[in-house]
Amino acid sequence: MSLTIFTSDRFADHLTPPGHPERLERAEVMQVVASEFARRGGDVREPRRATEEELARVHDREYISLIAETAGRATALDADTFTSPDSYDVALLAAGAAVGCVDHVLDGGRTRAVAMVRPPGHHAERNRAMGFCLFNNIAVAAAHARARGLSRVAIVDYDVHHGNGTQWSFYDDPSVLFVSSHQYPYYPGTGAATEIGTAAGAGFTVNLPMDAGATDADYEMAYTAVVLPVLRQFRPELLLLSAGFDALQDDPLGGMRLSTAGFARLTADVCAVADECCEGRVVAITEGGYDLGGLAGCLRALVSVLDGDVAAEPAPVEQPQRPDAFRGRATIEAVMPGLRRYWQL
């Protein structure tokens, strides 16, 4: 199994107002980690820009034009989401990196890829920028995989915030399984246990709303009981990971207590399912993570797991009985009634 990183120093050219958490230093951290990987002989590639056709699979063309019109100037799209003169071009590169990762993995055989990008994407809806996001990078990647002929694509999102834009992109689509673990209630207010999809997509949205303060043990319990069994039953042909690290215990925007090792284990569990179902094909695309030191540590752990330096052993079949994992148990109890109509849990 080999790993390729798609990234660019251009991701530092998307500027936000002073004090904004989604700041250019995040791109500098990504470049440091990618450079370390390259010095070890790793494959690091410059992404191309996404095309309008690729974006239009998940965004309205009028919305794409609206974002294009921000080129060359600074704008406020909402109270949290801003553009600078280069942001449109940078956002095209971010979405293009996600598409490039999919092409690389589908064409390469026994390979994985990471798009280290900003701005993040999972909050961007079909016709709305929000939550620091302009284009929904992972939704564009999933739609591209479907356009290339895949029948089943899974998305796992462990960012501390619910990926509302990704959810709504595929809410009625049974070909894309969306799984999100997130702090709840919290921004953006979506992601309740009852949000499980609609029409033909019913059951193919799996939300794990978790109380603030959730730990590694809580996440391990919820993923073992719900996420991994659903993924194995869905049997994806490609697994996409919204790799946001703001559930880290020191992150200023989250209230969770995940450790770097906890993120590594979650990633390894996802890779284990990919090894079983789709020849190990995993694409990770960065989302949040606003403590710079924590972001660096989590990115290094992500690279190590995807590159095979950390063994991707399957989680135990039996649900771990951890006395300190009461938040995980509460999440499982909340989601089981709705999901058991569609999955063997």
Protein backbone atom coordinates (compact mmCIF):
# COMPACT_ATOMS: atom_id res chain seq x y z
CA MET A 1 0.00 0.00 0.00
CA SER A 2 1.40 3.40 -1.02
CA LEU A 3 0.35 6.95 -0.17
CA THR A 4 0.30 10.16 -2.20
CA ILE A 5 -0.30 13.64 -0.77
CA PHE A 6 -1.92 16.32 -2.92
CA THR A 7 -1.23 19.81 -1.58
CA SER A 8 0.13 23.23 -2.55
CA ASP A 9 1.70 26.27 -0.95
CA ARG A 10 -1.09 28.17 -2.72
CA PHE A 11 -3.42 27.16 0.12
CA ALA A 12 -1.78 29.91 2.19
CA ASP A 13 -3.13 32.48 -0.29
CA HIS A 14 -6.70 32.20 1.04
CA LEU A 15 -6.73 34.96 3.65
CA THR A 16 -9.22 35.50 6.46
CA PRO A 17 -9.63 38.47 8.84
CA PRO A 18 -7.25 38.84 11.81
CA GLY A 19 -8.15 36.47 14.63
CA HIS A 20 -10.09 34.09 12.39
CA PRO A 21 -9.41 30.44 13.34
CA GLU A 22 -9.22 29.25 9.71
CA ARG A 23 -5.96 31.12 9.16
CA LEU A 24 -3.15 30.77 6.68
CA GLU A 25 -0.87 29.21 9.31
CA ARG A 26 -2.94 26.04 8.93
CA ALA A 27 -1.66 25.78 5.36
CA GLU A 28 1.89 26.27 6.59
CA VAL A 29 1.44 23.33 8.99
CA MET A 30 0.20 21.20 6.09
CA GLN A 31 3.25 22.14 4.04
CA VAL A 32 5.60 21.18 6.88
CA VAL A 33 4.00 17.75 7.23
CA ALA A 34 3.97 17.19 3.47
CA SER A 35 7.62 18.24 3.23
CA GLU A 36 8.56 15.77 5.97
CA PHE A 37 6.81 13.04 4.00
CA ALA A 38 8.61 14.05 0.80
CA ARG A 39 12.00 13.97 2.52
CA ARG A 40 11.29 10.35 3.52
CA GLY A 41 10.76 9.54 -0.15
CA GLY A 42 6.99 10.06 -0.16
CA ASP A 43 5.02 11.16 -3.20
CA VAL A 44 3.74 14.77 -2.91
CA ARG A 45 1.92 16.29 -5.87
CA GLU A 46 0.58 19.69 -6.86
CA PRO A 47 -3.19 19.59 -7.47
CA ARG A 48 -5.02 20.93 -10.47
CA ARG A 49 -8.09 23.16 -10.33
CA ALA A 50 -11.52 21.58 -10.30
CA THR A 51 -13.58 22.21 -13.42
CA GLU A 52 -17.01 23.82 -13.39
CA GLU A 53 -18.49 20.50 -14.51
CA GLU A 54 -16.97 18.72 -11.51
CA LEU A 55 -18.27 21.38 -9.12
CA ALA A 56 -21.72 21.41 -10.74
CA ARG A 57 -22.34 17.81 -9.71
CA VAL A 58 -22.95 19.10 -6.18
CA HIS A 59 -23.29 22.90 -6.53
CA ASP A 60 -25.72 25.04 -8.52
CA ARG A 61 -24.04 26.79 -11.45
CA GLU A 62 -25.42 30.12 -10.22
CA TYR A 63 -23.64 29.55 -6.91
CA ILE A 64 -20.38 28.66 -8.66
CA SER A 65 -20.67 31.92 -10.58
CA LEU A 66 -21.32 33.80 -7.34
CA ILE A 67 -18.10 32.50 -5.81
CA ALA A 68 -16.22 33.18 -9.06
CA GLU A 69 -17.33 36.82 -8.85
CA THR A 70 -15.41 37.19 -5.56
CA ALA A 71 -12.11 36.72 -7.41
CA GLY A 72 -9.82 39.70 -6.91
CA ARG A 73 -11.59 41.10 -3.86
CA ALA A 74 -12.31 40.45 -0.22
CA THR A 75 -15.91 39.65 0.71
CA ALA A 76 -17.94 38.41 3.67
CA LEU A 77 -20.25 35.61 2.56
CA ASP A 78 -21.68 35.20 6.06
CA ALA A 79 -20.59 36.00 9.60
CA ASP A 80 -17.92 33.27 9.55
CA THR A 81 -17.01 32.77 5.89
CA PHE A 82 -14.79 35.17 3.96
CA THR A 83 -12.96 35.45 0.68
CA SER A 84 -9.79 37.29 -0.24
CA PRO A 85 -8.58 38.16 -3.74
CA ASP A 86 -7.12 34.67 -4.34
CA SER A 87 -9.76 32.62 -2.49
CA TYR A 88 -11.75 31.52 -5.54
CA ASP A 89 -8.64 30.14 -7.23
CA VAL A 90 -7.50 28.48 -4.01
CA ALA A 91 -10.93 26.91 -3.49
CA LEU A 92 -10.77 25.48 -7.02
CA LEU A 93 -7.41 23.93 -6.12
CA ALA A 94 -8.87 22.44 -2.92
CA ALA A 95 -11.72 20.78 -4.79
CA GLY A 96 -9.34 19.76 -7.56
CA ALA A 97 -7.02 18.12 -5.05
CA ALA A 98 -9.94 16.02 -3.81
CA VAL A 99 -10.81 14.98 -7.38
CA GLY A 100 -7.16 14.26 -8.10
CA CYS A 101 -6.97 11.99 -5.07
CA VAL A 102 -9.95 9.99 -6.31
CA ASP A 103 -8.47 9.59 -9.79
CA HIS A 104 -5.10 8.59 -8.36
CA VAL A 105 -6.57 5.93 -6.08
CA LEU A 106 -8.93 4.51 -8.70
CA ASP A 107 -6.20 4.35 -11.32
CA GLY A 108 -3.27 3.37 -9.13
CA GLY A 109 -4.18 0.07 -7.47
CA ARG A 110 -3.39 -0.58 -3.79
CA THR A 111 -2.84 3.09 -3.12
CA ARG A 112 -4.27 5.79 -0.86
CA ALA A 113 -4.25 9.57 -1.06
CA VAL A 114 -4.58 12.63 1.17
CA ALA A 115 -5.71 16.09 0.08
CA MET A 116 -4.17 18.57 2.55
CA VAL A 117 -6.23 21.62 1.63
CA ARG A 118 -7.94 24.76 2.76
CA PRO A 119 -10.50 26.21 2.81
CA PRO A 120 -12.32 23.20 4.23
CA GLY A 121 -15.51 22.03 2.54
CA HIS A 122 -18.01 19.91 4.43
CA HIS A 123 -20.33 22.78 5.46
CA ALA A 124 -20.75 24.17 1.93
CA GLU A 125 -24.22 23.42 0.60
CA ARG A 126 -25.48 23.30 -2.97
CA ASN A 127 -26.06 27.05 -3.12
CA ARG A 128 -24.56 28.37 0.12
CA ALA A 129 -21.11 29.03 1.59
CA MET A 130 -20.91 28.62 5.34
CA GLY A 131 -18.70 27.48 8.19
CA PHE A 132 -15.46 28.70 6.53
CA CYS A 133 -16.29 26.55 3.44
CA LEU A 134 -16.69 27.67 -0.19
CA PHE A 135 -16.92 24.42 -2.19
CA ASN A 136 -17.69 21.04 -0.69
CA ASN A 137 -14.47 19.24 -1.49
CA ILE A 138 -15.45 15.77 -0.28
CA ALA A 139 -18.89 15.90 -1.90
CA VAL A 140 -17.23 16.87 -5.18
CA ALA A 141 -14.87 13.90 -4.73
CA ALA A 142 -17.72 11.47 -4.05
CA ALA A 143 -19.73 12.71 -7.03
CA HIS A 144 -16.63 12.36 -9.20
CA ALA A 145 -16.19 8.75 -8.07
CA ARG A 146 -19.83 8.06 -8.98
CA ALA A 147 -19.33 9.71 -12.37
CA ARG A 148 -16.41 7.38 -12.94
CA GLY A 149 -18.74 4.43 -12.52
CA LEU A 150 -18.54 3.41 -8.86
CA SER A 151 -21.83 2.13 -7.43
CA ARG A 152 -21.10 2.54 -3.71
CA VAL A 153 -19.05 5.31 -2.12
CA ALA A 154 -18.80 5.80 1.65
CA ILE A 155 -17.93 9.03 3.44
CA VAL A 156 -16.85 9.04 7.10
CA ASP A 157 -16.65 12.46 8.75
CA TYR A 158 -15.06 12.68 12.23
CA ASP A 159 -14.74 16.48 12.32
CA VAL A 160 -16.20 17.94 15.54
CA HIS A 161 -18.86 19.73 13.48
CA HIS A 162 -21.57 17.98 11.52
CA GLY A 163 -20.95 17.93 7.76
CA ASN A 164 -24.32 19.40 6.81
CA GLY A 165 -23.35 20.21 3.24
CA THR A 166 -22.13 16.69 2.59
CA GLN A 167 -25.25 15.20 4.15
CA TRP A 168 -27.66 17.24 2.05
CA SER A 169 -25.69 16.49 -1.12
CA PHE A 170 -26.58 12.80 -0.85
CA TYR A 171 -29.55 12.68 1.51
CA ASP A 172 -31.79 10.82 -0.96
CA ASP A 173 -29.00 8.87 -2.68
CA PRO A 174 -28.44 5.22 -1.69
CA SER A 175 -25.19 5.05 -3.65
CA VAL A 176 -23.38 7.33 -1.18
CA LEU A 177 -23.30 6.35 2.49
CA PHE A 178 -22.61 9.34 4.75
CA VAL A 179 -21.48 8.71 8.34
CA SER A 180 -20.76 11.58 10.73
CA SER A 181 -19.68 11.61 14.37
CA HIS A 182 -19.88 15.10 15.83
CA GLN A 183 -20.49 17.21 18.91
CA TYR A 184 -24.21 17.81 19.33
CA PRO A 185 -25.93 20.16 19.80
CA TYR A 186 -23.34 22.42 18.21
CA TYR A 187 -22.70 24.30 14.97
CA PRO A 188 -24.34 24.05 12.45
CA GLY A 189 -27.28 22.55 14.38
CA THR A 190 -27.85 19.57 12.09
CA GLY A 191 -26.89 15.93 12.57
CA ALA A 192 -29.54 14.61 14.92
CA ALA A 193 -29.90 10.85 15.33
CA THR A 194 -33.21 11.02 13.47
CA GLU A 195 -31.58 12.40 10.30
CA ILE A 196 -31.09 9.12 8.42
CA GLY A 197 -31.87 10.03 4.80
CA THR A 198 -35.03 10.22 2.77
CA ALA A 199 -36.75 8.41 -0.13
CA ALA A 200 -34.36 5.89 -1.69
CA GLY A 201 -31.59 7.22 0.54
CA ALA A 202 -33.34 6.32 3.81
CA GLY A 203 -30.85 4.56 6.05
CA PHE A 204 -27.82 5.76 4.10
CA THR A 205 -27.19 8.75 6.36
CA VAL A 206 -25.81 7.71 9.75
CA ASN A 207 -25.36 10.43 12.35
CA LEU A 208 -23.63 9.88 15.69
CA PRO A 209 -24.48 12.97 17.77
CA MET A 210 -22.17 12.99 20.79
CA ASP A 211 -22.21 15.06 23.96
CA ALA A 212 -19.40 17.52 24.60
CA GLY A 213 -16.55 15.93 26.52
CA ALA A 214 -16.54 12.67 24.57
CA THR A 215 -13.26 10.78 24.84
CA ASP A 216 -11.34 8.17 22.85
CA ALA A 217 -13.34 5.48 24.67
CA ASP A 218 -16.66 7.08 23.67
CA TYR A 219 -15.66 7.25 20.01
CA GLU A 220 -14.25 3.74 20.05
CA MET A 221 -17.48 2.38 21.48
CA ALA A 222 -19.71 4.20 18.97
CA TYR A 223 -17.59 3.30 15.97
CA THR A 224 -17.36 -0.35 17.00
CA ALA A 225 -21.09 -0.69 17.61
CA VAL A 226 -22.41 1.37 14.68
CA VAL A 227 -19.99 2.77 12.13
CA LEU A 228 -17.85 -0.25 11.33
CA PRO A 229 -20.75 -2.73 11.03
CA VAL A 230 -22.66 -0.36 8.72
CA LEU A 231 -19.60 0.21 6.55
CA ARG A 232 -18.97 -3.52 6.24
CA GLN A 233 -22.57 -4.18 5.27
CA PHE A 234 -22.55 -1.34 2.72
CA ARG A 235 -19.28 -2.67 1.21
CA PRO A 236 -18.04 0.57 -0.39
CA GLU A 237 -15.93 0.52 -3.53
CA LEU A 238 -14.14 3.64 -2.26
CA LEU A 239 -13.96 5.12 1.22
CA LEU A 240 -13.61 8.88 1.69
CA LEU A 241 -12.61 10.43 5.02
CA SER A 242 -13.47 13.98 6.06
CA ALA A 243 -10.37 14.36 8.20
CA GLY A 244 -11.19 17.22 10.54
CA PHE A 245 -9.21 17.31 13.79
CA ASP A 246 -11.16 19.86 15.85
CA ALA A 247 -12.48 17.11 18.14
CA LEU A 248 -8.95 17.08 19.57
CA GLN A 249 -8.88 17.83 23.28
CA ASP A 250 -6.96 21.12 22.91
CA ASP A 251 -8.84 22.53 19.92
CA PRO A 252 -10.27 26.02 20.57
CA LEU A 253 -13.44 25.41 18.54
CA GLY A 254 -14.48 22.05 19.95
CA GLY A 255 -15.50 20.60 23.28
CA MET A 256 -14.35 17.02 22.78
CA ARG A 257 -11.41 15.16 24.32
CA LEU A 258 -10.06 12.98 21.55
CA SER A 259 -6.32 12.36 21.53
CA THR A 260 -4.00 12.14 18.56
CA ALA A 261 -3.77 8.39 19.17
CA GLY A 262 -7.58 8.24 19.20
CA PHE A 263 -7.73 9.84 15.75
CA ALA A 264 -5.10 7.38 14.55
CA ARG A 265 -7.18 4.43 15.77
CA LEU A 266 -10.34 5.74 14.09
CA THR A 267 -8.41 6.15 10.85
CA ALA A 268 -6.93 2.66 11.18
CA ASP A 269 -10.41 1.20 11.70
CA VAL A 270 -11.64 2.91 8.54
CA CYS A 271 -8.61 1.58 6.65
CA ALA A 272 -9.33 -1.93 7.91
CA VAL A 273 -12.82 -1.79 6.40
CA ALA A 274 -11.34 -0.49 3.14
CA ASP A 275 -8.87 -3.38 3.13
CA GLU A 276 -11.78 -5.81 3.45
CA CYS A 277 -14.16 -4.17 0.98
CA CYS A 278 -12.33 -2.13 -1.65
CA GLU A 279 -8.68 -3.14 -1.93
CA GLY A 280 -7.68 -0.56 0.68
CA ARG A 281 -8.81 2.43 -1.37
CA VAL A 282 -9.05 5.40 0.99
CA VAL A 283 -8.99 9.12 0.22
CA ALA A 284 -8.68 11.54 3.16
CA ILE A 285 -9.53 15.23 2.73
CA THR A 286 -8.76 17.73 5.47
CA GLU A 287 -11.51 19.73 7.14
CA GLY A 288 -11.15 21.52 10.51
CA GLY A 289 -8.45 21.51 13.18
CA TYR A 290 -7.50 24.86 14.65
CA ASP A 291 -4.86 24.17 17.30
CA LEU A 292 -1.74 24.33 15.16
CA GLY A 293 0.33 21.92 17.21
CA GLY A 294 -2.55 19.49 17.44
CA LEU A 295 -3.19 19.79 13.71
CA ALA A 296 0.43 18.94 12.97
CA GLY A 297 0.36 15.90 15.24
CA CYS A 298 -2.90 14.62 13.78
CA LEU A 299 -1.74 15.10 10.20
CA ARG A 300 1.44 13.16 10.96
CA ALA A 301 -0.65 10.39 12.50
CA LEU A 302 -3.00 10.39 9.49
CA VAL A 303 -0.06 10.06 7.11
CA SER A 304 1.49 7.27 9.19
CA VAL A 305 -1.71 5.22 9.26
CA LEU A 306 -2.54 5.67 5.59
CA ASP A 307 1.04 4.92 4.59
CA GLY A 308 0.94 1.67 6.53
CA ASP A 309 3.33 2.65 9.32
CA VAL A 310 0.56 1.96 11.84
CA ALA A 311 -1.23 -1.35 11.49
CA ALA A 312 -4.90 -1.03 10.56
CA GLU A 313 -6.22 -3.80 12.76
CA PRO A 314 -10.00 -4.23 12.83
CA ALA A 315 -11.73 -3.07 15.98
CA PRO A 316 -12.93 -5.90 18.23
CA VAL A 317 -16.28 -7.37 17.28
CA GLU A 318 -17.58 -7.09 20.81
CA GLN A 319 -18.55 -3.63 22.00
CA PRO A 320 -15.92 -2.44 24.50
CA GLN A 321 -17.33 -2.12 28.00
CA ARG A 322 -15.61 0.99 29.28
CA PRO A 323 -17.07 2.51 32.45
CA ASP A 324 -15.92 5.97 31.37
CA ALA A 325 -17.64 5.76 27.96
CA PHE A 326 -21.14 6.80 29.05
CA ARG A 327 -21.36 9.39 26.27
CA GLY A 328 -20.68 6.72 23.68
CA ARG A 329 -23.36 4.48 25.16
CA ALA A 330 -25.86 7.35 25.09
CA THR A 331 -25.12 7.95 21.40
CA ILE A 332 -25.58 4.27 20.56
CA GLU A 333 -28.90 4.17 22.38
CA ALA A 334 -30.06 7.27 20.49
CA VAL A 335 -29.24 6.01 17.00
CA MET A 336 -30.09 2.32 17.18
CA PRO A 337 -33.90 2.57 16.90
CA GLY A 338 -33.76 4.35 13.55
CA LEU A 339 -30.83 2.47 12.05
CA ARG A 340 -31.88 -1.06 12.93
CA ARG A 341 -34.61 -0.80 10.30
CA TYR A 342 -31.86 -0.70 7.66
CA TRP A 343 -28.76 -2.39 9.12
CA GLN A 344 -27.99 -5.44 11.23
CA LEU A 345 -26.75 -3.86 14.45
